[in-house]
Amino acid sequence: TFSNYGMTWYRQAPGKQRELVARIENTGTPNYSNSVKGRFTISRDN
């Protein structure tokens, strides 16, 4: 049930650990890593 869950984007660059990029809660509240804040936007369509 997609609308009940937060969803997260991660990324992994060559030779680096996987890192959190952005998360959106089931309420629609977003959070971003400092490295992408102001440049990336996470959204959802339930």
PDB file of all heavy atoms in Angstrom:
ATOM      1  N   THR A   1       0.849  -1.188   0.000  1.00  0.00           N
ATOM      2  CA  THR A   1       0.000   0.000   0.000  1.00  0.00           C
ATOM      3  C   THR A   1       0.882   1.235   0.000  1.00  0.00           C
ATOM      4  O   THR A   1       1.320   1.725   1.052  1.00  0.00           O
ATOM      5  CB  THR A   1      -0.945  -0.008   1.215  1.00  0.00           C
ATOM      6  OG1 THR A   1      -1.684  -1.233   1.233  1.00  0.00           O
ATOM      7  CG2 THR A   1      -1.931   1.169   1.124  1.00  0.00           C
ATOM      8  N   PHE A   2       1.153   1.710  -1.194  1.00  0.00           N
ATOM      9  CA  PHE A   2       2.158   2.753  -1.417  1.00  0.00           C
ATOM     10  C   PHE A   2       1.910   3.985  -0.557  1.00  0.00           C
ATOM     11  O   PHE A   2       2.848   4.539   0.026  1.00  0.00           O
ATOM     12  CB  PHE A   2       2.143   3.134  -2.897  1.00  0.00           C
ATOM     13  CG  PHE A   2       3.119   4.199  -3.287  1.00  0.00           C
ATOM     14  CD1 PHE A   2       4.458   3.899  -3.441  1.00  0.00           C
ATOM     15  CD2 PHE A   2       2.686   5.499  -3.514  1.00  0.00           C
ATOM     16  CE1 PHE A   2       5.367   4.879  -3.820  1.00  0.00           C
ATOM     17  CE2 PHE A   2       3.580   6.481  -3.891  1.00  0.00           C
ATOM     18  CZ  PHE A   2       4.931   6.174  -4.040  1.00  0.00           C
ATOM     19  N   SER A   3       0.681   4.410  -0.442  1.00  0.00           N
ATOM     20  CA  SER A   3       0.377   5.664   0.255  1.00  0.00           C
ATOM     21  C   SER A   3       0.681   5.602   1.748  1.00  0.00           C
ATOM     22  O   SER A   3       0.724   6.646   2.411  1.00  0.00           O
ATOM     23  CB  SER A   3      -1.085   6.037   0.035  1.00  0.00           C
ATOM     24  OG  SER A   3      -1.939   5.016   0.517  1.00  0.00           O
ATOM     25  N   ASN A   4       0.898   4.412   2.277  1.00  0.00           N
ATOM     26  CA  ASN A   4       1.151   4.262   3.711  1.00  0.00           C
ATOM     27  C   ASN A   4       2.616   4.381   4.097  1.00  0.00           C
ATOM     28  O   ASN A   4       2.931   4.419   5.288  1.00  0.00           O
ATOM     29  CB  ASN A   4       0.650   2.901   4.204  1.00  0.00           C
ATOM     30  CG  ASN A   4      -0.868   2.825   4.281  1.00  0.00           C
ATOM     31  OD1 ASN A   4      -1.557   3.819   4.076  1.00  0.00           O
ATOM     32  ND2 ASN A   4      -1.376   1.645   4.562  1.00  0.00           N
ATOM     33  N   TYR A   5       3.494   4.436   3.101  1.00  0.00           N
ATOM     34  CA  TYR A   5       4.919   4.325   3.392  1.00  0.00           C
ATOM     35  C   TYR A   5       5.741   5.493   2.860  1.00  0.00           C
ATOM     36  O   TYR A   5       5.478   6.018   1.772  1.00  0.00           O
ATOM     37  CB  TYR A   5       5.476   3.035   2.782  1.00  0.00           C
ATOM     38  CG  TYR A   5       4.969   1.808   3.488  1.00  0.00           C
ATOM     39  CD1 TYR A   5       3.796   1.191   3.095  1.00  0.00           C
ATOM     40  CD2 TYR A   5       5.658   1.276   4.571  1.00  0.00           C
ATOM     41  CE1 TYR A   5       3.302   0.082   3.756  1.00  0.00           C
ATOM     42  CE2 TYR A   5       5.188   0.159   5.231  1.00  0.00           C
ATOM     43  CZ  TYR A   5       4.012  -0.424   4.824  1.00  0.00           C
ATOM     44  OH  TYR A   5       3.534  -1.526   5.478  1.00  0.00           O
ATOM     45  N   GLY A   6       6.761   5.847   3.647  1.00  0.00           N
ATOM     46  CA  GLY A   6       7.784   6.736   3.135  1.00  0.00           C
ATOM     47  C   GLY A   6       8.646   6.016   2.113  1.00  0.00           C
ATOM     48  O   GLY A   6       8.790   4.788   2.162  1.00  0.00           O
ATOM     49  N   MET A   7       9.194   6.787   1.203  1.00  0.00           N
ATOM     50  CA  MET A   7      10.054   6.239   0.156  1.00  0.00           C
ATOM     51  C   MET A   7      11.351   7.044   0.106  1.00  0.00           C
ATOM     52  O   MET A   7      11.353   8.250   0.377  1.00  0.00           O
ATOM     53  CB  MET A   7       9.360   6.303  -1.207  1.00  0.00           C
ATOM     54  CG  MET A   7       8.073   5.505  -1.303  1.00  0.00           C
ATOM     55  SD  MET A   7       8.329   3.728  -1.172  1.00  0.00           S
ATOM     56  CE  MET A   7       9.319   3.419  -2.635  1.00  0.00           C
ATOM     57  N   THR A   8      12.415   6.365  -0.257  1.00  0.00           N
ATOM     58  CA  THR A   8      13.741   6.992  -0.209  1.00  0.00           C
ATOM     59  C   THR A   8      14.503   6.736  -1.497  1.00  0.00           C
ATOM     60  O   THR A   8      14.421   5.634  -2.058  1.00  0.00           O
ATOM     61  CB  THR A   8      14.548   6.431   0.970  1.00  0.00           C
ATOM     62  OG1 THR A   8      13.768   6.512   2.171  1.00  0.00           O
ATOM     63  CG2 THR A   8      15.830   7.226   1.183  1.00  0.00           C
ATOM     64  N   TRP A   9      15.230   7.737  -1.940  1.00  0.00           N
ATOM     65  CA  TRP A   9      16.198   7.598  -3.037  1.00  0.00           C
ATOM     66  C   TRP A   9      17.601   7.547  -2.430  1.00  0.00           C
ATOM     67  O   TRP A   9      17.953   8.385  -1.593  1.00  0.00           O
ATOM     68  CB  TRP A   9      16.120   8.761  -4.008  1.00  0.00           C
ATOM     69  CG  TRP A   9      14.958   8.717  -4.941  1.00  0.00           C
ATOM     70  CD1 TRP A   9      13.771   9.399  -4.829  1.00  0.00           C
ATOM     71  CD2 TRP A   9      14.865   7.970  -6.160  1.00  0.00           C
ATOM     72  NE1 TRP A   9      12.960   9.119  -5.887  1.00  0.00           N
ATOM     73  CE2 TRP A   9      13.604   8.241  -6.725  1.00  0.00           C
ATOM     74  CE3 TRP A   9      15.719   7.102  -6.835  1.00  0.00           C
ATOM     75  CZ2 TRP A   9      13.176   7.671  -7.924  1.00  0.00           C
ATOM     76  CZ3 TRP A   9      15.305   6.531  -8.017  1.00  0.00           C
ATOM     77  CH2 TRP A   9      14.038   6.812  -8.558  1.00  0.00           C
ATOM     78  N   TYR A  10      18.375   6.565  -2.870  1.00  0.00           N
ATOM     79  CA  TYR A  10      19.782   6.439  -2.534  1.00  0.00           C
ATOM     80  C   TYR A  10      20.583   6.497  -3.828  1.00  0.00           C
ATOM     81  O   TYR A  10      20.051   6.322  -4.920  1.00  0.00           O
ATOM     82  CB  TYR A  10      20.069   5.095  -1.847  1.00  0.00           C
ATOM     83  CG  TYR A  10      19.621   4.992  -0.426  1.00  0.00           C
ATOM     84  CD1 TYR A  10      18.296   4.716  -0.111  1.00  0.00           C
ATOM     85  CD2 TYR A  10      20.529   5.122   0.621  1.00  0.00           C
ATOM     86  CE1 TYR A  10      17.871   4.597   1.194  1.00  0.00           C
ATOM     87  CE2 TYR A  10      20.126   5.002   1.938  1.00  0.00           C
ATOM     88  CZ  TYR A  10      18.795   4.735   2.218  1.00  0.00           C
ATOM     89  OH  TYR A  10      18.385   4.627   3.520  1.00  0.00           O
ATOM     90  N   ARG A  11      21.870   6.687  -3.683  1.00  0.00           N
ATOM     91  CA  ARG A  11      22.765   6.583  -4.833  1.00  0.00           C
ATOM     92  C   ARG A  11      24.079   5.972  -4.399  1.00  0.00           C
ATOM     93  O   ARG A  11      24.476   6.046  -3.236  1.00  0.00           O
ATOM     94  CB  ARG A  11      22.998   7.942  -5.488  1.00  0.00           C
ATOM     95  CG  ARG A  11      23.787   8.933  -4.650  1.00  0.00           C
ATOM     96  CD  ARG A  11      23.841  10.290  -5.355  1.00  0.00           C
ATOM     97  NE  ARG A  11      24.604  11.272  -4.585  1.00  0.00           N
ATOM     98  CZ  ARG A  11      24.679  12.550  -4.909  1.00  0.00           C
ATOM     99  NH1 ARG A  11      24.041  13.016  -5.992  1.00  0.00           N
ATOM    100  NH2 ARG A  11      25.383  13.387  -4.165  1.00  0.00           N
ATOM    101  N   GLN A  12      24.742   5.365  -5.386  1.00  0.00           N
ATOM    102  CA  GLN A  12      26.056   4.773  -5.135  1.00  0.00           C
ATOM    103  C   GLN A  12      26.971   5.077  -6.301  1.00  0.00           C
ATOM    104  O   GLN A  12      26.702   4.650  -7.432  1.00  0.00           O
ATOM    105  CB  GLN A  12      25.952   3.269  -4.911  1.00  0.00           C
ATOM    106  CG  GLN A  12      27.247   2.638  -4.478  1.00  0.00           C
ATOM    107  CD  GLN A  12      27.066   1.230  -3.927  1.00  0.00           C
ATOM    108  OE1 GLN A  12      26.050   0.587  -4.164  1.00  0.00           O
ATOM    109  NE2 GLN A  12      28.039   0.769  -3.162  1.00  0.00           N
ATOM    110  N   ALA A  13      28.014   5.817  -6.017  1.00  0.00           N
ATOM    111  CA  ALA A  13      29.023   6.150  -7.011  1.00  0.00           C
ATOM    112  C   ALA A  13      30.087   5.059  -6.992  1.00  0.00           C
ATOM    113  O   ALA A  13      30.270   4.368  -5.981  1.00  0.00           O
ATOM    114  CB  ALA A  13      29.623   7.505  -6.711  1.00  0.00           C
ATOM    115  N   PRO A  14      30.820   4.901  -8.101  1.00  0.00           N
ATOM    116  CA  PRO A  14      31.860   3.871  -8.158  1.00  0.00           C
ATOM    117  C   PRO A  14      32.863   4.022  -7.027  1.00  0.00           C
ATOM    118  O   PRO A  14      33.380   5.118  -6.774  1.00  0.00           O
ATOM    119  CB  PRO A  14      32.522   4.130  -9.510  1.00  0.00           C
ATOM    120  CG  PRO A  14      31.475   4.786 -10.329  1.00  0.00           C
ATOM    121  CD  PRO A  14      30.680   5.629  -9.365  1.00  0.00           C
ATOM    122  N   GLY A  15      33.110   2.938  -6.310  1.00  0.00           N
ATOM    123  CA  GLY A  15      34.081   2.939  -5.242  1.00  0.00           C
ATOM    124  C   GLY A  15      33.626   3.605  -3.954  1.00  0.00           C
ATOM    125  O   GLY A  15      34.425   3.762  -3.018  1.00  0.00           O
ATOM    126  N   LYS A  16      32.355   3.986  -3.896  1.00  0.00           N
ATOM    127  CA  LYS A  16      31.843   4.665  -2.706  1.00  0.00           C
ATOM    128  C   LYS A  16      30.666   3.892  -2.112  1.00  0.00           C
ATOM    129  O   LYS A  16      30.057   3.057  -2.766  1.00  0.00           O
ATOM    130  CB  LYS A  16      31.412   6.088  -3.042  1.00  0.00           C
ATOM    131  CG  LYS A  16      32.550   6.994  -3.474  1.00  0.00           C
ATOM    132  CD  LYS A  16      32.093   8.428  -3.573  1.00  0.00           C
ATOM    133  CE  LYS A  16      33.252   9.352  -3.898  1.00  0.00           C
ATOM    134  NZ  LYS A  16      32.837  10.782  -3.955  1.00  0.00           N
ATOM    135  N   GLN A  17      30.383   4.209  -0.859  1.00  0.00           N
ATOM    136  CA  GLN A  17      29.234   3.586  -0.210  1.00  0.00           C
ATOM    137  C   GLN A  17      27.930   4.202  -0.699  1.00  0.00           C
ATOM    138  O   GLN A  17      27.900   5.349  -1.143  1.00  0.00           O
ATOM    139  CB  GLN A  17      29.357   3.757   1.314  1.00  0.00           C
ATOM    140  CG  GLN A  17      30.447   2.915   1.946  1.00  0.00           C
ATOM    141  CD  GLN A  17      30.377   2.939   3.466  1.00  0.00           C
ATOM    142  OE1 GLN A  17      29.888   3.881   4.059  1.00  0.00           O
ATOM    143  NE2 GLN A  17      30.853   1.863   4.085  1.00  0.00           N
ATOM    144  N   ARG A  18      26.879   3.411  -0.594  1.00  0.00           N
ATOM    145  CA  ARG A  18      25.560   3.915  -0.949  1.00  0.00           C
ATOM    146  C   ARG A  18      25.171   5.010   0.047  1.00  0.00           C
ATOM    147  O   ARG A  18      25.369   4.865   1.252  1.00  0.00           O
ATOM    148  CB  ARG A  18      24.544   2.772  -0.919  1.00  0.00           C
ATOM    149  CG  ARG A  18      23.239   3.065  -1.593  1.00  0.00           C
ATOM    150  CD  ARG A  18      22.404   1.806  -1.762  1.00  0.00           C
ATOM    151  NE  ARG A  18      23.031   0.856  -2.686  1.00  0.00           N
ATOM    152  CZ  ARG A  18      22.426  -0.230  -3.144  1.00  0.00           C
ATOM    153  NH1 ARG A  18      21.187  -0.517  -2.769  1.00  0.00           N
ATOM    154  NH2 ARG A  18      23.058  -1.046  -3.967  1.00  0.00           N
ATOM    155  N   GLU A  19      24.610   6.098  -0.456  1.00  0.00           N
ATOM    156  CA  GLU A  19      24.249   7.205   0.401  1.00  0.00           C
ATOM    157  C   GLU A  19      22.808   7.644   0.152  1.00  0.00           C
ATOM    158  O   GLU A  19      22.302   7.563  -0.972  1.00  0.00           O
ATOM    159  CB  GLU A  19      25.190   8.403   0.187  1.00  0.00           C
ATOM    160  CG  GLU A  19      25.132   9.017  -1.192  1.00  0.00           C
ATOM    161  CD  GLU A  19      25.913  10.314  -1.304  1.00  0.00           C
ATOM    162  OE1 GLU A  19      26.348  10.856  -0.272  1.00  0.00           O
ATOM    163  OE2 GLU A  19      26.071  10.806  -2.436  1.00  0.00           O
ATOM    164  N   LEU A  20      22.179   8.131   1.207  1.00  0.00           N
ATOM    165  CA  LEU A  20      20.820   8.636   1.099  1.00  0.00           C
ATOM    166  C   LEU A  20      20.835   9.966   0.365  1.00  0.00           C
ATOM    167  O   LEU A  20      21.659  10.836   0.663  1.00  0.00           O
ATOM    168  CB  LEU A  20      20.210   8.793   2.492  1.00  0.00           C
ATOM    169  CG  LEU A  20      18.723   9.140   2.584  1.00  0.00           C
ATOM    170  CD1 LEU A  20      18.139   8.553   3.854  1.00  0.00           C
ATOM    171  CD2 LEU A  20      18.481  10.627   2.531  1.00  0.00           C
ATOM    172  N   VAL A  21      19.921  10.107  -0.579  1.00  0.00           N
ATOM    173  CA  VAL A  21      19.794  11.340  -1.345  1.00  0.00           C
ATOM    174  C   VAL A  21      18.598  12.161  -0.871  1.00  0.00           C
ATOM    175  O   VAL A  21      18.715  13.345  -0.559  1.00  0.00           O
ATOM    176  CB  VAL A  21      19.641  11.024  -2.840  1.00  0.00           C
ATOM    177  CG1 VAL A  21      19.396  12.294  -3.642  1.00  0.00           C
ATOM    178  CG2 VAL A  21      20.856  10.279  -3.360  1.00  0.00           C
ATOM    179  N   ALA A  22      17.446  11.507  -0.830  1.00  0.00           N
ATOM    180  CA  ALA A  22      16.221  12.215  -0.448  1.00  0.00           C
ATOM    181  C   ALA A  22      15.194  11.197   0.016  1.00  0.00           C
ATOM    182  O   ALA A  22      15.195  10.046  -0.427  1.00  0.00           O
ATOM    183  CB  ALA A  22      15.674  13.023  -1.615  1.00  0.00           C
ATOM    184  N   ARG A  23      14.321  11.661   0.892  1.00  0.00           N
ATOM    185  CA  ARG A  23      13.248  10.808   1.406  1.00  0.00           C
ATOM    186  C   ARG A  23      11.963  11.621   1.428  1.00  0.00           C
ATOM    187  O   ARG A  23      11.985  12.825   1.702  1.00  0.00           O
ATOM    188  CB  ARG A  23      13.574  10.322   2.808  1.00  0.00           C
ATOM    189  CG  ARG A  23      12.437   9.520   3.440  1.00  0.00           C
ATOM    190  CD  ARG A  23      12.814   8.923   4.775  1.00  0.00           C
ATOM    191  NE  ARG A  23      11.660   8.339   5.448  1.00  0.00           N
ATOM    192  CZ  ARG A  23      11.180   7.125   5.159  1.00  0.00           C
ATOM    193  NH1 ARG A  23      11.744   6.372   4.235  1.00  0.00           N
ATOM    194  NH2 ARG A  23      10.124   6.644   5.825  1.00  0.00           N
ATOM    195  N   ILE A  24      10.861  10.932   1.150  1.00  0.00           N
ATOM    196  CA  ILE A  24       9.552  11.569   1.274  1.00  0.00           C
ATOM    197  C   ILE A  24       8.680  10.684   2.151  1.00  0.00           C
ATOM    198  O   ILE A  24       8.559   9.474   1.913  1.00  0.00           O
ATOM    199  CB  ILE A  24       8.914  11.841  -0.111  1.00  0.00           C
ATOM    200  CG1 ILE A  24       7.631  12.641   0.046  1.00  0.00           C
ATOM    201  CG2 ILE A  24       8.683  10.560  -0.908  1.00  0.00           C
ATOM    202  CD1 ILE A  24       7.155  13.280  -1.254  1.00  0.00           C
ATOM    203  N   GLU A  25       8.116  11.280   3.170  1.00  0.00           N
ATOM    204  CA  GLU A  25       7.267  10.532   4.092  1.00  0.00           C
ATOM    205  C   GLU A  25       5.903  10.260   3.446  1.00  0.00           C
ATOM    206  O   GLU A  25       5.564  10.850   2.415  1.00  0.00           O
ATOM    207  CB  GLU A  25       7.088  11.321   5.382  1.00  0.00           C
ATOM    208  CG  GLU A  25       8.380  11.685   6.082  1.00  0.00           C
ATOM    209  CD  GLU A  25       9.183  10.475   6.527  1.00  0.00           C
ATOM    210  OE1 GLU A  25       8.607   9.368   6.681  1.00  0.00           O
ATOM    211  OE2 GLU A  25      10.406  10.637   6.731  1.00  0.00           O
ATOM    212  N   ASN A  26       5.137   9.393   4.076  1.00  0.00           N
ATOM    213  CA  ASN A  26       3.811   9.112   3.533  1.00  0.00           C
ATOM    214  C   ASN A  26       2.922  10.349   3.564  1.00  0.00           C
ATOM    215  O   ASN A  26       1.985  10.478   2.776  1.00  0.00           O
ATOM    216  CB  ASN A  26       3.146   7.960   4.286  1.00  0.00           C
ATOM    217  CG  ASN A  26       2.870   8.281   5.740  1.00  0.00           C
ATOM    218  OD1 ASN A  26       3.702   8.909   6.389  1.00  0.00           O
ATOM    219  ND2 ASN A  26       1.739   7.852   6.255  1.00  0.00           N
ATOM    220  N   THR A  27       3.264  11.298   4.421  1.00  0.00           N
ATOM    221  CA  THR A  27       2.527  12.561   4.503  1.00  0.00           C
ATOM    222  C   THR A  27       2.911  13.528   3.389  1.00  0.00           C
ATOM    223  O   THR A  27       2.266  14.553   3.209  1.00  0.00           O
ATOM    224  CB  THR A  27       2.810  13.244   5.840  1.00  0.00           C
ATOM    225  OG1 THR A  27       4.225  13.446   5.956  1.00  0.00           O
ATOM    226  CG2 THR A  27       2.321  12.397   7.006  1.00  0.00           C
ATOM    227  N   GLY A  28       4.002  13.224   2.688  1.00  0.00           N
ATOM    228  CA  GLY A  28       4.512  14.116   1.649  1.00  0.00           C
ATOM    229  C   GLY A  28       5.663  14.997   2.107  1.00  0.00           C
ATOM    230  O   GLY A  28       6.216  15.743   1.302  1.00  0.00           O
ATOM    231  N   THR A  29       6.021  14.920   3.360  1.00  0.00           N
ATOM    232  CA  THR A  29       7.130  15.717   3.873  1.00  0.00           C
ATOM    233  C   THR A  29       8.453  15.215   3.310  1.00  0.00           C
ATOM    234  O   THR A  29       8.762  14.036   3.444  1.00  0.00           O
ATOM    235  CB  THR A  29       7.173  15.659   5.403  1.00  0.00           C
ATOM    236  OG1 THR A  29       5.941  16.159   5.919  1.00  0.00           O
ATOM    237  CG2 THR A  29       8.332  16.483   5.939  1.00  0.00           C
ATOM    238  N   PRO A  30       9.224  16.108   2.673  1.00  0.00           N
ATOM    239  CA  PRO A  30      10.504  15.685   2.097  1.00  0.00           C
ATOM    240  C   PRO A  30      11.690  16.016   3.006  1.00  0.00           C
ATOM    241  O   PRO A  30      11.619  16.917   3.837  1.00  0.00           O
ATOM    242  CB  PRO A  30      10.583  16.528   0.822  1.00  0.00           C
ATOM    243  CG  PRO A  30       9.924  17.824   1.216  1.00  0.00           C
ATOM    244  CD  PRO A  30       8.873  17.463   2.228  1.00  0.00           C
ATOM    245  N   ASN A  31      12.758  15.266   2.801  1.00  0.00           N
ATOM    246  CA  ASN A  31      14.043  15.571   3.433  1.00  0.00           C
ATOM    247  C   ASN A  31      15.147  15.269   2.438  1.00  0.00           C
ATOM    248  O   ASN A  31      15.013  14.341   1.629  1.00  0.00           O
ATOM    249  CB  ASN A  31      14.248  14.746   4.707  1.00  0.00           C
ATOM    250  CG  ASN A  31      13.459  15.315   5.876  1.00  0.00           C
ATOM    251  OD1 ASN A  31      13.810  16.348   6.432  1.00  0.00           O
ATOM    252  ND2 ASN A  31      12.372  14.651   6.235  1.00  0.00           N
ATOM    253  N   TYR A  32      16.211  16.048   2.514  1.00  0.00           N
ATOM    254  CA  TYR A  32      17.288  15.934   1.533  1.00  0.00           C
ATOM    255  C   TYR A  32      18.646  15.882   2.216  1.00  0.00           C
ATOM    256  O   TYR A  32      18.850  16.468   3.286  1.00  0.00           O
ATOM    257  CB  TYR A  32      17.271  17.152   0.589  1.00  0.00           C
ATOM    258  CG  TYR A  32      15.972  17.320  -0.151  1.00  0.00           C
ATOM    259  CD1 TYR A  32      14.979  18.161   0.337  1.00  0.00           C
ATOM    260  CD2 TYR A  32      15.741  16.641  -1.342  1.00  0.00           C
ATOM    261  CE1 TYR A  32      13.771  18.310  -0.334  1.00  0.00           C
ATOM    262  CE2 TYR A  32      14.551  16.787  -2.026  1.00  0.00           C
ATOM    263  CZ  TYR A  32      13.573  17.616  -1.511  1.00  0.00           C
ATOM    264  OH  TYR A  32      12.380  17.757  -2.188  1.00  0.00           O
ATOM    265  N   SER A  33      19.581  15.234   1.548  1.00  0.00           N
ATOM    266  CA  SER A  33      20.955  15.316   2.001  1.00  0.00           C
ATOM    267  C   SER A  33      21.475  16.712   1.682  1.00  0.00           C
ATOM    268  O   SER A  33      20.995  17.385   0.761  1.00  0.00           O
ATOM    269  CB  SER A  33      21.817  14.264   1.315  1.00  0.00           C
ATOM    270  OG  SER A  33      21.954  14.562  -0.066  1.00  0.00           O
ATOM    271  N   ASN A  34      22.474  17.123   2.431  1.00  0.00           N
ATOM    272  CA  ASN A  34      23.023  18.467   2.205  1.00  0.00           C
ATOM    273  C   ASN A  34      23.598  18.611   0.801  1.00  0.00           C
ATOM    274  O   ASN A  34      23.589  19.708   0.235  1.00  0.00           O
ATOM    275  CB  ASN A  34      24.088  18.774   3.246  1.00  0.00           C
ATOM    276  CG  ASN A  34      23.496  19.033   4.618  1.00  0.00           C
ATOM    277  OD1 ASN A  34      22.345  19.422   4.747  1.00  0.00           O
ATOM    278  ND2 ASN A  34      24.290  18.793   5.654  1.00  0.00           N
ATOM    279  N   SER A  35      24.069  17.521   0.242  1.00  0.00           N
ATOM    280  CA  SER A  35      24.732  17.590  -1.059  1.00  0.00           C
ATOM    281  C   SER A  35      23.765  17.883  -2.206  1.00  0.00           C
ATOM    282  O   SER A  35      24.197  18.316  -3.277  1.00  0.00           O
ATOM    283  CB  SER A  35      25.482  16.293  -1.340  1.00  0.00           C
ATOM    284  OG  SER A  35      24.587  15.195  -1.356  1.00  0.00           O
ATOM    285  N   VAL A  36      22.472  17.653  -1.996  1.00  0.00           N
ATOM    286  CA  VAL A  36      21.506  17.868  -3.084  1.00  0.00           C
ATOM    287  C   VAL A  36      20.455  18.906  -2.736  1.00  0.00           C
ATOM    288  O   VAL A  36      19.652  19.288  -3.594  1.00  0.00           O
ATOM    289  CB  VAL A  36      20.815  16.547  -3.493  1.00  0.00           C
ATOM    290  CG1 VAL A  36      21.844  15.475  -3.814  1.00  0.00           C
ATOM    291  CG2 VAL A  36      19.835  16.068  -2.437  1.00  0.00           C
ATOM    292  N   LYS A  37      20.460  19.370  -1.505  1.00  0.00           N
ATOM    293  CA  LYS A  37      19.434  20.325  -1.071  1.00  0.00           C
ATOM    294  C   LYS A  37      19.466  21.569  -1.960  1.00  0.00           C
ATOM    295  O   LYS A  37      20.525  22.124  -2.237  1.00  0.00           O
ATOM    296  CB  LYS A  37      19.679  20.695   0.386  1.00  0.00           C
ATOM    297  CG  LYS A  37      18.494  21.333   1.087  1.00  0.00           C
ATOM    298  CD  LYS A  37      18.774  21.507   2.573  1.00  0.00           C
ATOM    299  CE  LYS A  37      18.935  20.186   3.286  1.00  0.00           C
ATOM    300  NZ  LYS A  37      19.150  20.341   4.734  1.00  0.00           N
ATOM    301  N   GLY A  38      18.302  21.976  -2.408  1.00  0.00           N
ATOM    302  CA  GLY A  38      18.190  23.136  -3.280  1.00  0.00           C
ATOM    303  C   GLY A  38      18.333  22.822  -4.756  1.00  0.00           C
ATOM    304  O   GLY A  38      18.052  23.676  -5.606  1.00  0.00           O
ATOM    305  N   ARG A  39      18.750  21.600  -5.069  1.00  0.00           N
ATOM    306  CA  ARG A  39      18.916  21.213  -6.480  1.00  0.00           C
ATOM    307  C   ARG A  39      17.956  20.078  -6.866  1.00  0.00           C
ATOM    308  O   ARG A  39      17.504  20.033  -8.014  1.00  0.00           O
ATOM    309  CB  ARG A  39      20.349  20.762  -6.746  1.00  0.00           C
ATOM    310  CG  ARG A  39      21.387  21.822  -6.460  1.00  0.00           C
ATOM    311  CD  ARG A  39      22.779  21.377  -6.933  1.00  0.00           C
ATOM    312  NE  ARG A  39      23.246  20.175  -6.229  1.00  0.00           N
ATOM    313  CZ  ARG A  39      23.559  19.032  -6.822  1.00  0.00           C
ATOM    314  NH1 ARG A  39      23.447  18.903  -8.139  1.00  0.00           N
ATOM    315  NH2 ARG A  39      24.011  18.002  -6.108  1.00  0.00           N
ATOM    316  N   PHE A  40      17.705  19.177  -5.947  1.00  0.00           N
ATOM    317  CA  PHE A  40      16.849  18.016  -6.214  1.00  0.00           C
ATOM    318  C   PHE A  40      15.512  18.201  -5.502  1.00  0.00           C
ATOM    319  O   PHE A  40      15.442  18.794  -4.422  1.00  0.00           O
ATOM    320  CB  PHE A  40      17.485  16.736  -5.707  1.00  0.00           C
ATOM    321  CG  PHE A  40      18.704  16.283  -6.472  1.00  0.00           C
ATOM    322  CD1 PHE A  40      19.318  17.067  -7.415  1.00  0.00           C
ATOM    323  CD2 PHE A  40      19.240  15.018  -6.218  1.00  0.00           C
ATOM    324  CE1 PHE A  40      20.438  16.633  -8.109  1.00  0.00           C
ATOM    325  CE2 PHE A  40      20.355  14.567  -6.901  1.00  0.00           C
ATOM    326  CZ  PHE A  40      20.955  15.389  -7.843  1.00  0.00           C
ATOM    327  N   THR A  41      14.464  17.641  -6.105  1.00  0.00           N
ATOM    328  CA  THR A  41      13.139  17.658  -5.496  1.00  0.00           C
ATOM    329  C   THR A  41      12.537  16.269  -5.563  1.00  0.00           C
ATOM    330  O   THR A  41      12.446  15.679  -6.652  1.00  0.00           O
ATOM    331  CB  THR A  41      12.212  18.649  -6.216  1.00  0.00           C
ATOM    332  OG1 THR A  41      12.783  19.956  -6.179  1.00  0.00           O
ATOM    333  CG2 THR A  41      10.846  18.687  -5.538  1.00  0.00           C
ATOM    334  N   ILE A  42      12.136  15.750  -4.422  1.00  0.00           N
ATOM    335  CA  ILE A  42      11.465  14.458  -4.359  1.00  0.00           C
ATOM    336  C   ILE A  42       9.963  14.704  -4.258  1.00  0.00           C
ATOM    337  O   ILE A  42       9.512  15.639  -3.580  1.00  0.00           O
ATOM    338  CB  ILE A  42      11.979  13.613  -3.173  1.00  0.00           C
ATOM    339  CG1 ILE A  42      11.447  12.182  -3.248  1.00  0.00           C
ATOM    340  CG2 ILE A  42      11.655  14.263  -1.835  1.00  0.00           C
ATOM    341  CD1 ILE A  42      12.113  11.234  -2.242  1.00  0.00           C
ATOM    342  N   SER A  43       9.206  13.882  -4.951  1.00  0.00           N
ATOM    343  CA  SER A  43       7.750  14.003  -4.906  1.00  0.00           C
ATOM    344  C   SER A  43       7.140  12.622  -5.093  1.00  0.00           C
ATOM    345  O   SER A  43       7.844  11.664  -5.440  1.00  0.00           O
ATOM    346  CB  SER A  43       7.250  14.971  -5.976  1.00  0.00           C
ATOM    347  OG  SER A  43       7.576  14.504  -7.273  1.00  0.00           O
ATOM    348  N   ARG A  44       5.846  12.541  -4.866  1.00  0.00           N
ATOM    349  CA  ARG A  44       5.172  11.260  -5.027  1.00  0.00           C
ATOM    350  C   ARG A  44       3.772  11.470  -5.590  1.00  0.00           C
ATOM    351  O   ARG A  44       3.155  12.508  -5.372  1.00  0.00           O
ATOM    352  CB  ARG A  44       5.089  10.519  -3.693  1.00  0.00           C
ATOM    353  CG  ARG A  44       4.276  11.203  -2.622  1.00  0.00           C
ATOM    354  CD  ARG A  44       4.465  10.511  -1.262  1.00  0.00           C
ATOM    355  NE  ARG A  44       3.999   9.130  -1.299  1.00  0.00           N
ATOM    356  CZ  ARG A  44       4.440   8.180  -0.458  1.00  0.00           C
ATOM    357  NH1 ARG A  44       5.357   8.468   0.457  1.00  0.00           N
ATOM    358  NH2 ARG A  44       3.943   6.955  -0.546  1.00  0.00           N
ATOM    359  N   ASP A  45       3.318  10.464  -6.315  1.00  0.00           N
ATOM    360  CA  ASP A  45       1.953  10.449  -6.837  1.00  0.00           C
ATOM    361  C   ASP A  45       1.334   9.144  -6.348  1.00  0.00           C
ATOM    362  O   ASP A  45       1.605   8.071  -6.899  1.00  0.00           O
ATOM    363  CB  ASP A  45       1.973  10.522  -8.364  1.00  0.00           C
ATOM    364  CG  ASP A  45       0.580  10.636  -8.959  1.00  0.00           C
ATOM    365  OD1 ASP A  45      -0.393  10.209  -8.307  1.00  0.00           O
ATOM    366  OD2 ASP A  45       0.457  11.128 -10.087  1.00  0.00           O
ATOM    367  N   ASN A  46       0.529   9.242  -5.316  1.00  0.00           N
ATOM    368  CA  ASN A  46      -0.048   8.035  -4.724  1.00  0.00           C
ATOM    369  C   ASN A  46      -1.044   7.351  -5.671  1.00  0.00           C
ATOM    370  O   ASN A  46      -1.238   6.141  -5.581  1.00  0.00           O
ATOM    371  CB  ASN A  46      -0.730   8.367  -3.401  1.00  0.00           C
ATOM    372  CG  ASN A  46       0.267   8.716  -2.311  1.00  0.00           C
ATOM    373  OD1 ASN A  46       1.444   8.352  -2.377  1.00  0.00           O
ATOM    374  ND2 ASN A  46      -0.193   9.433  -1.298  1.00  0.00           N
TER     375      ASN A  46
END
